[in-house]
Full PDB file with SEQRES, HELIX, SHEET, SSBOND, CRYST1, ORIGX, SCALE, CONECT and MASTER records, all heavy atoms in Angstrom:
SEQRES   1 A   38  PRO GLU TYR ARG GLN ILE ILE VAL GLU LEU LEU MET ILE          
SEQRES   2 A   38  VAL SER VAL ILE LEU GLU ARG ASN PRO GLU PHE GLU PHE          
SEQRES   3 A   38  GLN GLU LYS VAL ASP LEU ASP ARG LEU VAL THR GLU              
HELIX    1 AA1 GLU A    2  ARG A   20  1                                  19    
HELIX    2 AA2 LEU A   32  THR A   37  1                                   6    
CRYST1    1.000    1.000    1.000  90.00  90.00  90.00 P 1           1          
ORIGX1      1.000000  0.000000  0.000000        0.00000                         
ORIGX2      0.000000  1.000000  0.000000        0.00000                         
ORIGX3      0.000000  0.000000  1.000000        0.00000                         
SCALE1      1.000000  0.000000  0.000000        0.00000                         
SCALE2      0.000000  1.000000  0.000000        0.00000                         
SCALE3      0.000000  0.000000  1.000000        0.00000                         
ATOM      1  N   PRO A   1       8.298  -7.861  -3.415  1.00  0.00           N  
ATOM      2  CA  PRO A   1       9.343  -8.083  -2.408  1.00  0.00           C  
ATOM      3  C   PRO A   1      10.485  -7.077  -2.491  1.00  0.00           C  
ATOM      4  O   PRO A   1      10.973  -6.591  -1.461  1.00  0.00           O  
ATOM      5  CB  PRO A   1       9.833  -9.501  -2.726  1.00  0.00           C  
ATOM      6  CG  PRO A   1       8.696 -10.169  -3.407  1.00  0.00           C  
ATOM      7  CD  PRO A   1       8.031  -9.091  -4.198  1.00  0.00           C  
ATOM      8  N   GLU A   2      10.933  -6.753  -3.715  1.00  0.00           N  
ATOM      9  CA  GLU A   2      12.056  -5.832  -3.852  1.00  0.00           C  
ATOM     10  C   GLU A   2      11.677  -4.417  -3.402  1.00  0.00           C  
ATOM     11  O   GLU A   2      12.503  -3.681  -2.852  1.00  0.00           O  
ATOM     12  CB  GLU A   2      12.590  -5.822  -5.291  1.00  0.00           C  
ATOM     13  CG  GLU A   2      11.590  -5.362  -6.349  1.00  0.00           C  
ATOM     14  CD  GLU A   2      10.731  -6.478  -6.916  1.00  0.00           C  
ATOM     15  OE1 GLU A   2      10.330  -7.375  -6.146  1.00  0.00           O  
ATOM     16  OE2 GLU A   2      10.446  -6.439  -8.133  1.00  0.00           O  
ATOM     17  N   TYR A   3      10.410  -4.036  -3.615  1.00  0.00           N  
ATOM     18  CA  TYR A   3       9.946  -2.723  -3.154  1.00  0.00           C  
ATOM     19  C   TYR A   3       9.868  -2.703  -1.627  1.00  0.00           C  
ATOM     20  O   TYR A   3      10.169  -1.694  -0.992  1.00  0.00           O  
ATOM     21  CB  TYR A   3       8.580  -2.410  -3.762  1.00  0.00           C  
ATOM     22  CG  TYR A   3       8.070  -1.022  -3.445  1.00  0.00           C  
ATOM     23  CD1 TYR A   3       8.609   0.093  -4.071  1.00  0.00           C  
ATOM     24  CD2 TYR A   3       7.051  -0.824  -2.516  1.00  0.00           C  
ATOM     25  CE1 TYR A   3       8.151   1.375  -3.784  1.00  0.00           C  
ATOM     26  CE2 TYR A   3       6.585   0.444  -2.219  1.00  0.00           C  
ATOM     27  CZ  TYR A   3       7.136   1.545  -2.855  1.00  0.00           C  
ATOM     28  OH  TYR A   3       6.689   2.805  -2.558  1.00  0.00           O  
ATOM     29  N   ARG A   4       9.467  -3.827  -1.044  1.00  0.00           N  
ATOM     30  CA  ARG A   4       9.427  -3.926   0.417  1.00  0.00           C  
ATOM     31  C   ARG A   4      10.799  -3.657   1.009  1.00  0.00           C  
ATOM     32  O   ARG A   4      10.932  -2.942   2.011  1.00  0.00           O  
ATOM     33  CB  ARG A   4       8.937  -5.312   0.851  1.00  0.00           C  
ATOM     34  CG  ARG A   4       8.793  -5.458   2.365  1.00  0.00           C  
ATOM     35  CD  ARG A   4       8.571  -6.895   2.786  1.00  0.00           C  
ATOM     36  NE  ARG A   4       8.219  -6.976   4.189  1.00  0.00           N  
ATOM     37  CZ  ARG A   4       9.092  -6.930   5.193  1.00  0.00           C  
ATOM     38  NH1 ARG A   4      10.382  -6.795   4.938  1.00  0.00           N  
ATOM     39  NH2 ARG A   4       8.674  -7.013   6.454  1.00  0.00           N  
ATOM     40  N   GLN A   5      11.842  -4.215   0.378  1.00  0.00           N  
ATOM     41  CA  GLN A   5      13.183  -4.005   0.904  1.00  0.00           C  
ATOM     42  C   GLN A   5      13.641  -2.562   0.760  1.00  0.00           C  
ATOM     43  O   GLN A   5      14.345  -2.051   1.625  1.00  0.00           O  
ATOM     44  CB  GLN A   5      14.174  -4.939   0.207  1.00  0.00           C  
ATOM     45  CG  GLN A   5      14.109  -6.374   0.698  1.00  0.00           C  
ATOM     46  CD  GLN A   5      14.138  -6.487   2.202  1.00  0.00           C  
ATOM     47  OE1 GLN A   5      13.102  -6.734   2.831  1.00  0.00           O  
ATOM     48  NE2 GLN A   5      15.274  -6.321   2.812  1.00  0.00           N  
ATOM     49  N   ILE A   6      13.232  -1.898  -0.306  1.00  0.00           N  
ATOM     50  CA  ILE A   6      13.548  -0.475  -0.457  1.00  0.00           C  
ATOM     51  C   ILE A   6      12.877   0.325   0.650  1.00  0.00           C  
ATOM     52  O   ILE A   6      13.470   1.256   1.217  1.00  0.00           O  
ATOM     53  CB  ILE A   6      13.110   0.029  -1.850  1.00  0.00           C  
ATOM     54  CG1 ILE A   6      14.032  -0.515  -2.945  1.00  0.00           C  
ATOM     55  CG2 ILE A   6      13.088   1.563  -1.896  1.00  0.00           C  
ATOM     56  CD1 ILE A   6      15.445   0.041  -2.925  1.00  0.00           C  
ATOM     57  N   ILE A   7      11.636  -0.032   0.997  1.00  0.00           N  
ATOM     58  CA  ILE A   7      10.929   0.644   2.087  1.00  0.00           C  
ATOM     59  C   ILE A   7      11.646   0.418   3.413  1.00  0.00           C  
ATOM     60  O   ILE A   7      11.780   1.335   4.241  1.00  0.00           O  
ATOM     61  CB  ILE A   7       9.464   0.171   2.161  1.00  0.00           C  
ATOM     62  CG1 ILE A   7       8.677   0.650   0.942  1.00  0.00           C  
ATOM     63  CG2 ILE A   7       8.804   0.649   3.455  1.00  0.00           C  
ATOM     64  CD1 ILE A   7       8.498   2.156   0.849  1.00  0.00           C  
ATOM     65  N   VAL A   8      12.108  -0.800   3.650  1.00  0.00           N  
ATOM     66  CA  VAL A   8      12.862  -1.105   4.872  1.00  0.00           C  
ATOM     67  C   VAL A   8      14.137  -0.270   4.918  1.00  0.00           C  
ATOM     68  O   VAL A   8      14.477   0.322   5.957  1.00  0.00           O  
ATOM     69  CB  VAL A   8      13.183  -2.614   4.955  1.00  0.00           C  
ATOM     70  CG1 VAL A   8      14.193  -2.898   6.076  1.00  0.00           C  
ATOM     71  CG2 VAL A   8      11.907  -3.425   5.193  1.00  0.00           C  
ATOM     72  N   GLU A   9      14.854  -0.195   3.800  1.00  0.00           N  
ATOM     73  CA  GLU A   9      16.063   0.629   3.726  1.00  0.00           C  
ATOM     74  C   GLU A   9      15.726   2.096   3.985  1.00  0.00           C  
ATOM     75  O   GLU A   9      16.468   2.800   4.692  1.00  0.00           O  
ATOM     76  CB  GLU A   9      16.716   0.474   2.355  1.00  0.00           C  
ATOM     77  CG  GLU A   9      17.299  -0.912   2.099  1.00  0.00           C  
ATOM     78  CD  GLU A   9      17.759  -1.111   0.665  1.00  0.00           C  
ATOM     79  OE1 GLU A   9      18.121  -0.099   0.010  1.00  0.00           O  
ATOM     80  OE2 GLU A   9      17.759  -2.254   0.189  1.00  0.00           O  
ATOM     81  N   LEU A  10      14.619   2.552   3.439  1.00  0.00           N  
ATOM     82  CA  LEU A  10      14.194   3.942   3.632  1.00  0.00           C  
ATOM     83  C   LEU A  10      13.928   4.236   5.107  1.00  0.00           C  
ATOM     84  O   LEU A  10      14.355   5.275   5.628  1.00  0.00           O  
ATOM     85  CB  LEU A  10      12.946   4.214   2.794  1.00  0.00           C  
ATOM     86  CG  LEU A  10      12.243   5.564   3.016  1.00  0.00           C  
ATOM     87  CD1 LEU A  10      13.175   6.731   2.734  1.00  0.00           C  
ATOM     88  CD2 LEU A  10      10.992   5.661   2.138  1.00  0.00           C  
ATOM     89  N   LEU A  11      13.231   3.337   5.780  1.00  0.00           N  
ATOM     90  CA  LEU A  11      12.942   3.545   7.204  1.00  0.00           C  
ATOM     91  C   LEU A  11      14.225   3.599   8.032  1.00  0.00           C  
ATOM     92  O   LEU A  11      14.336   4.402   8.968  1.00  0.00           O  
ATOM     93  CB  LEU A  11      12.016   2.436   7.715  1.00  0.00           C  
ATOM     94  CG  LEU A  11      10.561   2.541   7.256  1.00  0.00           C  
ATOM     95  CD1 LEU A  11       9.802   1.248   7.522  1.00  0.00           C  
ATOM     96  CD2 LEU A  11       9.849   3.707   7.949  1.00  0.00           C  
ATOM     97  N   MET A  12      15.195   2.770   7.696  1.00  0.00           N  
ATOM     98  CA  MET A  12      16.475   2.816   8.411  1.00  0.00           C  
ATOM     99  C   MET A  12      17.174   4.155   8.176  1.00  0.00           C  
ATOM    100  O   MET A  12      17.775   4.734   9.095  1.00  0.00           O  
ATOM    101  CB  MET A  12      17.365   1.657   7.952  1.00  0.00           C  
ATOM    102  CG  MET A  12      16.809   0.259   8.264  1.00  0.00           C  
ATOM    103  SD  MET A  12      16.662  -0.087  10.027  1.00  0.00           S  
ATOM    104  CE  MET A  12      18.384  -0.379  10.454  1.00  0.00           C  
ATOM    105  N   ILE A  13      17.084   4.668   6.952  1.00  0.00           N  
ATOM    106  CA  ILE A  13      17.689   5.963   6.627  1.00  0.00           C  
ATOM    107  C   ILE A  13      17.015   7.089   7.397  1.00  0.00           C  
ATOM    108  O   ILE A  13      17.679   7.966   7.966  1.00  0.00           O  
ATOM    109  CB  ILE A  13      17.604   6.216   5.108  1.00  0.00           C  
ATOM    110  CG1 ILE A  13      18.566   5.280   4.364  1.00  0.00           C  
ATOM    111  CG2 ILE A  13      17.911   7.676   4.767  1.00  0.00           C  
ATOM    112  CD1 ILE A  13      18.357   5.243   2.873  1.00  0.00           C  
ATOM    113  N   VAL A  14      15.680   7.082   7.418  1.00  0.00           N  
ATOM    114  CA  VAL A  14      14.937   8.109   8.158  1.00  0.00           C  
ATOM    115  C   VAL A  14      15.357   8.106   9.624  1.00  0.00           C  
ATOM    116  O   VAL A  14      15.579   9.161  10.230  1.00  0.00           O  
ATOM    117  CB  VAL A  14      13.416   7.871   8.036  1.00  0.00           C  
ATOM    118  CG1 VAL A  14      12.653   8.824   8.953  1.00  0.00           C  
ATOM    119  CG2 VAL A  14      12.951   8.053   6.596  1.00  0.00           C  
ATOM    120  N   SER A  15      15.494   6.915  10.192  1.00  0.00           N  
ATOM    121  CA  SER A  15      15.876   6.803  11.602  1.00  0.00           C  
ATOM    122  C   SER A  15      17.253   7.416  11.853  1.00  0.00           C  
ATOM    123  O   SER A  15      17.443   8.156  12.824  1.00  0.00           O  
ATOM    124  CB  SER A  15      15.877   5.317  12.002  1.00  0.00           C  
ATOM    125  OG  SER A  15      16.442   5.146  13.279  1.00  0.00           O  
ATOM    126  N   VAL A  16      18.205   7.129  10.985  1.00  0.00           N  
ATOM    127  CA  VAL A  16      19.564   7.651  11.158  1.00  0.00           C  
ATOM    128  C   VAL A  16      19.574   9.178  11.030  1.00  0.00           C  
ATOM    129  O   VAL A  16      20.233   9.881  11.818  1.00  0.00           O  
ATOM    130  CB  VAL A  16      20.518   7.009  10.130  1.00  0.00           C  
ATOM    131  CG1 VAL A  16      21.867   7.710  10.147  1.00  0.00           C  
ATOM    132  CG2 VAL A  16      20.700   5.524  10.425  1.00  0.00           C  
ATOM    133  N   ILE A  17      18.826   9.699  10.060  1.00  0.00           N  
ATOM    134  CA  ILE A  17      18.775  11.156   9.871  1.00  0.00           C  
ATOM    135  C   ILE A  17      18.198  11.841  11.098  1.00  0.00           C  
ATOM    136  O   ILE A  17      18.736  12.854  11.576  1.00  0.00           O  
ATOM    137  CB  ILE A  17      17.951  11.500   8.614  1.00  0.00           C  
ATOM    138  CG1 ILE A  17      18.698  11.067   7.350  1.00  0.00           C  
ATOM    139  CG2 ILE A  17      17.651  13.004   8.563  1.00  0.00           C  
ATOM    140  CD1 ILE A  17      17.891  11.229   6.078  1.00  0.00           C  
ATOM    141  N   LEU A  18      17.103  11.310  11.629  1.00  0.00           N  
ATOM    142  CA  LEU A  18      16.484  11.912  12.817  1.00  0.00           C  
ATOM    143  C   LEU A  18      17.390  11.795  14.038  1.00  0.00           C  
ATOM    144  O   LEU A  18      17.433  12.691  14.886  1.00  0.00           O  
ATOM    145  CB  LEU A  18      15.139  11.246  13.089  1.00  0.00           C  
ATOM    146  CG  LEU A  18      14.036  11.510  12.057  1.00  0.00           C  
ATOM    147  CD1 LEU A  18      12.773  10.746  12.416  1.00  0.00           C  
ATOM    148  CD2 LEU A  18      13.731  12.999  11.934  1.00  0.00           C  
ATOM    149  N   GLU A  19      18.105  10.686  14.115  1.00  0.00           N  
ATOM    150  CA  GLU A  19      19.019  10.474  15.243  1.00  0.00           C  
ATOM    151  C   GLU A  19      20.150  11.502  15.240  1.00  0.00           C  
ATOM    152  O   GLU A  19      20.569  11.991  16.291  1.00  0.00           O  
ATOM    153  CB  GLU A  19      19.583   9.057  15.146  1.00  0.00           C  
ATOM    154  CG  GLU A  19      20.392   8.596  16.351  1.00  0.00           C  
ATOM    155  CD  GLU A  19      20.804   7.145  16.201  1.00  0.00           C  
ATOM    156  OE1 GLU A  19      21.520   6.812  15.228  1.00  0.00           O  
ATOM    157  OE2 GLU A  19      20.406   6.334  17.055  1.00  0.00           O  
ATOM    158  N   ARG A  20      20.625  11.837  14.048  1.00  0.00           N  
ATOM    159  CA  ARG A  20      21.744  12.774  13.930  1.00  0.00           C  
ATOM    160  C   ARG A  20      21.307  14.235  13.909  1.00  0.00           C  
ATOM    161  O   ARG A  20      22.143  15.133  14.015  1.00  0.00           O  
ATOM    162  CB  ARG A  20      22.538  12.464  12.657  1.00  0.00           C  
ATOM    163  CG  ARG A  20      23.216  11.099  12.692  1.00  0.00           C  
ATOM    164  CD  ARG A  20      23.910  10.781  11.390  1.00  0.00           C  
ATOM    165  NE  ARG A  20      24.569   9.481  11.424  1.00  0.00           N  
ATOM    166  CZ  ARG A  20      25.184   8.924  10.387  1.00  0.00           C  
ATOM    167  NH1 ARG A  20      25.238   9.570   9.219  1.00  0.00           N  
ATOM    168  NH2 ARG A  20      25.749   7.734  10.502  1.00  0.00           N  
ATOM    169  N   ASN A  21      20.016  14.458  13.738  1.00  0.00           N  
ATOM    170  CA  ASN A  21      19.483  15.827  13.674  1.00  0.00           C  
ATOM    171  C   ASN A  21      18.304  15.965  14.631  1.00  0.00           C  
ATOM    172  O   ASN A  21      17.143  15.968  14.212  1.00  0.00           O  
ATOM    173  CB  ASN A  21      19.051  16.157  12.241  1.00  0.00           C  
ATOM    174  CG  ASN A  21      20.193  16.091  11.246  1.00  0.00           C  
ATOM    175  OD1 ASN A  21      20.923  17.055  11.050  1.00  0.00           O  
ATOM    176  ND2 ASN A  21      20.359  14.926  10.621  1.00  0.00           N  
ATOM    177  N   PRO A  22      18.570  16.086  15.922  1.00  0.00           N  
ATOM    178  CA  PRO A  22      17.489  16.124  16.921  1.00  0.00           C  
ATOM    179  C   PRO A  22      16.559  17.319  16.782  1.00  0.00           C  
ATOM    180  O   PRO A  22      15.464  17.323  17.352  1.00  0.00           O  
ATOM    181  CB  PRO A  22      18.247  16.164  18.257  1.00  0.00           C  
ATOM    182  CG  PRO A  22      19.614  16.669  17.923  1.00  0.00           C  
ATOM    183  CD  PRO A  22      19.899  16.178  16.548  1.00  0.00           C  
ATOM    184  N   GLU A  23      16.971  18.336  16.014  1.00  0.00           N  
ATOM    185  CA  GLU A  23      16.107  19.513  15.847  1.00  0.00           C  
ATOM    186  C   GLU A  23      15.005  19.293  14.822  1.00  0.00           C  
ATOM    187  O   GLU A  23      14.066  20.087  14.731  1.00  0.00           O  
ATOM    188  CB  GLU A  23      16.954  20.724  15.423  1.00  0.00           C  
ATOM    189  CG  GLU A  23      17.502  20.689  13.996  1.00  0.00           C  
ATOM    190  CD  GLU A  23      18.749  19.846  13.816  1.00  0.00           C  
ATOM    191  OE1 GLU A  23      19.127  19.122  14.771  1.00  0.00           O  
ATOM    192  OE2 GLU A  23      19.356  19.904  12.729  1.00  0.00           O  
ATOM    193  N   PHE A  24      15.085  18.203  14.050  1.00  0.00           N  
ATOM    194  CA  PHE A  24      14.091  17.942  13.010  1.00  0.00           C  
ATOM    195  C   PHE A  24      12.921  17.107  13.530  1.00  0.00           C  
ATOM    196  O   PHE A  24      13.080  16.233  14.379  1.00  0.00           O  
ATOM    197  CB  PHE A  24      14.721  17.201  11.826  1.00  0.00           C  
ATOM    198  CG  PHE A  24      15.528  18.086  10.915  1.00  0.00           C  
ATOM    199  CD1 PHE A  24      16.802  17.702  10.517  1.00  0.00           C  
ATOM    200  CD2 PHE A  24      15.027  19.287  10.460  1.00  0.00           C  
ATOM    201  CE1 PHE A  24      17.553  18.502   9.666  1.00  0.00           C  
ATOM    202  CE2 PHE A  24      15.771  20.097   9.614  1.00  0.00           C  
ATOM    203  CZ  PHE A  24      17.029  19.708   9.221  1.00  0.00           C  
ATOM    204  N   GLU A  25      11.757  17.425  12.968  1.00  0.00           N  
ATOM    205  CA  GLU A  25      10.550  16.630  13.247  1.00  0.00           C  
ATOM    206  C   GLU A  25       9.633  16.754  12.041  1.00  0.00           C  
ATOM    207  O   GLU A  25       9.494  17.825  11.457  1.00  0.00           O  
ATOM    208  CB  GLU A  25       9.842  17.151  14.496  1.00  0.00           C  
ATOM    209  CG  GLU A  25       8.608  16.355  14.871  1.00  0.00           C  
ATOM    210  CD  GLU A  25       7.955  16.867  16.151  1.00  0.00           C  
ATOM    211  OE1 GLU A  25       8.327  16.413  17.237  1.00  0.00           O  
ATOM    212  OE2 GLU A  25       7.069  17.761  16.036  1.00  0.00           O  
ATOM    213  N   PHE A  26       9.005  15.658  11.651  1.00  0.00           N  
ATOM    214  CA  PHE A  26       8.075  15.699  10.531  1.00  0.00           C  
ATOM    215  C   PHE A  26       6.779  16.370  10.974  1.00  0.00           C  
ATOM    216  O   PHE A  26       6.179  15.983  11.978  1.00  0.00           O  
ATOM    217  CB  PHE A  26       7.771  14.289  10.025  1.00  0.00           C  
ATOM    218  CG  PHE A  26       8.923  13.626   9.330  1.00  0.00           C  
ATOM    219  CD1 PHE A  26       9.696  12.675   9.979  1.00  0.00           C  
ATOM    220  CD2 PHE A  26       9.251  13.959   8.018  1.00  0.00           C  
ATOM    221  CE1 PHE A  26      10.761  12.064   9.341  1.00  0.00           C  
ATOM    222  CE2 PHE A  26      10.315  13.355   7.371  1.00  0.00           C  
ATOM    223  CZ  PHE A  26      11.085  12.410   8.036  1.00  0.00           C  
ATOM    224  N   GLN A  27       6.351  17.360  10.217  1.00  0.00           N  
ATOM    225  CA  GLN A  27       5.132  18.089  10.571  1.00  0.00           C  
ATOM    226  C   GLN A  27       3.886  17.436   9.975  1.00  0.00           C  
ATOM    227  O   GLN A  27       2.795  17.551  10.518  1.00  0.00           O  
ATOM    228  CB  GLN A  27       5.229  19.543  10.085  1.00  0.00           C  
ATOM    229  CG  GLN A  27       6.384  20.312  10.707  1.00  0.00           C  
ATOM    230  CD  GLN A  27       6.275  20.420  12.212  1.00  0.00           C  
ATOM    231  OE1 GLN A  27       5.208  20.733  12.729  1.00  0.00           O  
ATOM    232  NE2 GLN A  27       7.365  20.152  12.910  1.00  0.00           N  
ATOM    233  N   GLU A  28       4.072  16.746   8.848  1.00  0.00           N  
ATOM    234  CA  GLU A  28       2.938  16.111   8.189  1.00  0.00           C  
ATOM    235  C   GLU A  28       3.123  14.602   8.171  1.00  0.00           C  
ATOM    236  O   GLU A  28       4.189  14.083   8.520  1.00  0.00           O  
ATOM    237  CB  GLU A  28       2.816  16.640   6.745  1.00  0.00           C  
ATOM    238  CG  GLU A  28       2.572  18.135   6.642  1.00  0.00           C  
ATOM    239  CD  GLU A  28       2.494  18.591   5.203  1.00  0.00           C  
ATOM    240  OE1 GLU A  28       2.720  17.757   4.303  1.00  0.00           O  
ATOM    241  OE2 GLU A  28       2.210  19.780   4.977  1.00  0.00           O  
ATOM    242  N   LYS A  29       2.082  13.910   7.766  1.00  0.00           N  
ATOM    243  CA  LYS A  29       2.148  12.461   7.643  1.00  0.00           C  
ATOM    244  C   LYS A  29       3.273  12.082   6.681  1.00  0.00           C  
ATOM    245  O   LYS A  29       3.424  12.676   5.614  1.00  0.00           O  
ATOM    246  CB  LYS A  29       0.806  11.931   7.136  1.00  0.00           C  
ATOM    247  CG  LYS A  29       0.758  10.441   6.893  1.00  0.00           C  
ATOM    248  CD  LYS A  29      -0.668   9.994   6.623  1.00  0.00           C  
ATOM    249  CE  LYS A  29      -1.261  10.697   5.427  1.00  0.00           C  
ATOM    250  NZ  LYS A  29      -2.662  10.332   5.185  1.00  0.00           N  
ATOM    251  N   VAL A  30       4.075  11.102   7.066  1.00  0.00           N  
ATOM    252  CA  VAL A  30       5.192  10.670   6.225  1.00  0.00           C  
ATOM    253  C   VAL A  30       4.702   9.582   5.272  1.00  0.00           C  
ATOM    254  O   VAL A  30       4.402   8.463   5.688  1.00  0.00           O  
ATOM    255  CB  VAL A  30       6.362  10.138   7.082  1.00  0.00           C  
ATOM    256  CG1 VAL A  30       7.482   9.621   6.191  1.00  0.00           C  
ATOM    257  CG2 VAL A  30       6.877  11.230   8.011  1.00  0.00           C  
ATOM    258  N   ASP A  31       4.614   9.932   4.003  1.00  0.00           N  
ATOM    259  CA  ASP A  31       4.180   8.995   2.962  1.00  0.00           C  
ATOM    260  C   ASP A  31       5.432   8.366   2.353  1.00  0.00           C  
ATOM    261  O   ASP A  31       6.137   8.985   1.572  1.00  0.00           O  
ATOM    262  CB  ASP A  31       3.371   9.746   1.897  1.00  0.00           C  
ATOM    263  CG  ASP A  31       2.749   8.812   0.871  1.00  0.00           C  
ATOM    264  OD1 ASP A  31       3.268   7.693   0.692  1.00  0.00           O  
ATOM    265  OD2 ASP A  31       1.754   9.203   0.232  1.00  0.00           O  
ATOM    266  N   LEU A  32       5.711   7.119   2.733  1.00  0.00           N  
ATOM    267  CA  LEU A  32       6.927   6.449   2.280  1.00  0.00           C  
ATOM    268  C   LEU A  32       6.920   6.228   0.770  1.00  0.00           C  
ATOM    269  O   LEU A  32       7.967   6.301   0.120  1.00  0.00           O  
ATOM    270  CB  LEU A  32       7.091   5.116   3.012  1.00  0.00           C  
ATOM    271  CG  LEU A  32       7.199   5.206   4.542  1.00  0.00           C  
ATOM    272  CD1 LEU A  32       7.330   3.808   5.141  1.00  0.00           C  
ATOM    273  CD2 LEU A  32       8.374   6.077   4.973  1.00  0.00           C  
ATOM    274  N   ASP A  33       5.748   5.969   0.195  1.00  0.00           N  
ATOM    275  CA  ASP A  33       5.652   5.784  -1.256  1.00  0.00           C  
ATOM    276  C   ASP A  33       6.074   7.048  -1.992  1.00  0.00           C  
ATOM    277  O   ASP A  33       6.765   6.992  -3.014  1.00  0.00           O  
ATOM    278  CB  ASP A  33       4.228   5.407  -1.655  1.00  0.00           C  
ATOM    279  CG  ASP A  33       3.798   4.067  -1.084  1.00  0.00           C  
ATOM    280  OD1 ASP A  33       4.584   3.113  -1.160  1.00  0.00           O  
ATOM    281  OD2 ASP A  33       2.675   3.977  -0.556  1.00  0.00           O  
ATOM    282  N   ARG A  34       5.658   8.196  -1.477  1.00  0.00           N  
ATOM    283  CA  ARG A  34       6.024   9.469  -2.102  1.00  0.00           C  
ATOM    284  C   ARG A  34       7.539   9.677  -2.060  1.00  0.00           C  
ATOM    285  O   ARG A  34       8.140  10.135  -3.043  1.00  0.00           O  
ATOM    286  CB  ARG A  34       5.313  10.613  -1.376  1.00  0.00           C  
ATOM    287  CG  ARG A  34       5.737  11.997  -1.841  1.00  0.00           C  
ATOM    288  CD  ARG A  34       5.191  13.086  -0.934  1.00  0.00           C  
ATOM    289  NE  ARG A  34       5.870  14.355  -1.140  1.00  0.00           N  
ATOM    290  CZ  ARG A  34       5.749  15.403  -0.336  1.00  0.00           C  
ATOM    291  NH1 ARG A  34       4.980  15.330   0.733  1.00  0.00           N  
ATOM    292  NH2 ARG A  34       6.393  16.522  -0.581  1.00  0.00           N  
ATOM    293  N   LEU A  35       8.161   9.331  -0.946  1.00  0.00           N  
ATOM    294  CA  LEU A  35       9.613   9.494  -0.824  1.00  0.00           C  
ATOM    295  C   LEU A  35      10.356   8.603  -1.822  1.00  0.00           C  
ATOM    296  O   LEU A  35      11.331   9.039  -2.448  1.00  0.00           O  
ATOM    297  CB  LEU A  35      10.050   9.177   0.604  1.00  0.00           C  
ATOM    298  CG  LEU A  35       9.625  10.182   1.678  1.00  0.00           C  
ATOM    299  CD1 LEU A  35       9.966   9.651   3.070  1.00  0.00           C  
ATOM    300  CD2 LEU A  35      10.274  11.540   1.444  1.00  0.00           C  
ATOM    301  N   VAL A  36       9.899   7.363  -1.979  1.00  0.00           N  
ATOM    302  CA  VAL A  36      10.535   6.466  -2.942  1.00  0.00           C  
ATOM    303  C   VAL A  36      10.338   6.988  -4.365  1.00  0.00           C  
ATOM    304  O   VAL A  36      11.258   6.945  -5.197  1.00  0.00           O  
ATOM    305  CB  VAL A  36       9.986   5.027  -2.807  1.00  0.00           C  
ATOM    306  CG1 VAL A  36      10.534   4.139  -3.930  1.00  0.00           C  
ATOM    307  CG2 VAL A  36      10.359   4.440  -1.459  1.00  0.00           C  
ATOM    308  N   THR A  37       9.142   7.499  -4.654  1.00  0.00           N  
ATOM    309  CA  THR A  37       8.864   8.049  -5.985  1.00  0.00           C  
ATOM    310  C   THR A  37       9.804   9.209  -6.299  1.00  0.00           C  
ATOM    311  O   THR A  37      10.350   9.306  -7.418  1.00  0.00           O  
ATOM    312  CB  THR A  37       7.399   8.524  -6.079  1.00  0.00           C  
ATOM    313  OG1 THR A  37       6.527   7.404  -5.884  1.00  0.00           O  
ATOM    314  CG2 THR A  37       7.108   9.144  -7.438  1.00  0.00           C  
ATOM    315  N   GLU A  38      10.003  10.092  -5.309  1.00  0.00           N  
ATOM    316  CA  GLU A  38      10.910  11.222  -5.522  1.00  0.00           C  
ATOM    317  C   GLU A  38      12.348  10.749  -5.705  1.00  0.00           C  
ATOM    318  O   GLU A  38      13.086  11.271  -6.563  1.00  0.00           O  
ATOM    319  CB  GLU A  38      10.807  12.191  -4.345  1.00  0.00           C  
ATOM    320  CG  GLU A  38       9.474  12.932  -4.280  1.00  0.00           C  
ATOM    321  CD  GLU A  38       9.415  13.932  -3.141  1.00  0.00           C  
ATOM    322  OE1 GLU A  38      10.466  14.132  -2.482  1.00  0.00           O  
ATOM    323  OE2 GLU A  38       8.341  14.508  -2.907  1.00  0.00           O  
TER     324      GLU A  38                                                      
MASTER        0    0    0    2    0    0    0    6  323    1    0    3          
END                                                                             
């Protein structure tokens, strides 16, 4: 459950970053587990 909430927080962060930076786009598949690991 606690990891699920971190993933939810991560998705909200990704959304805000993309919203504020319209020039950005992910070129590859977004692996949420990899982002949390980093």
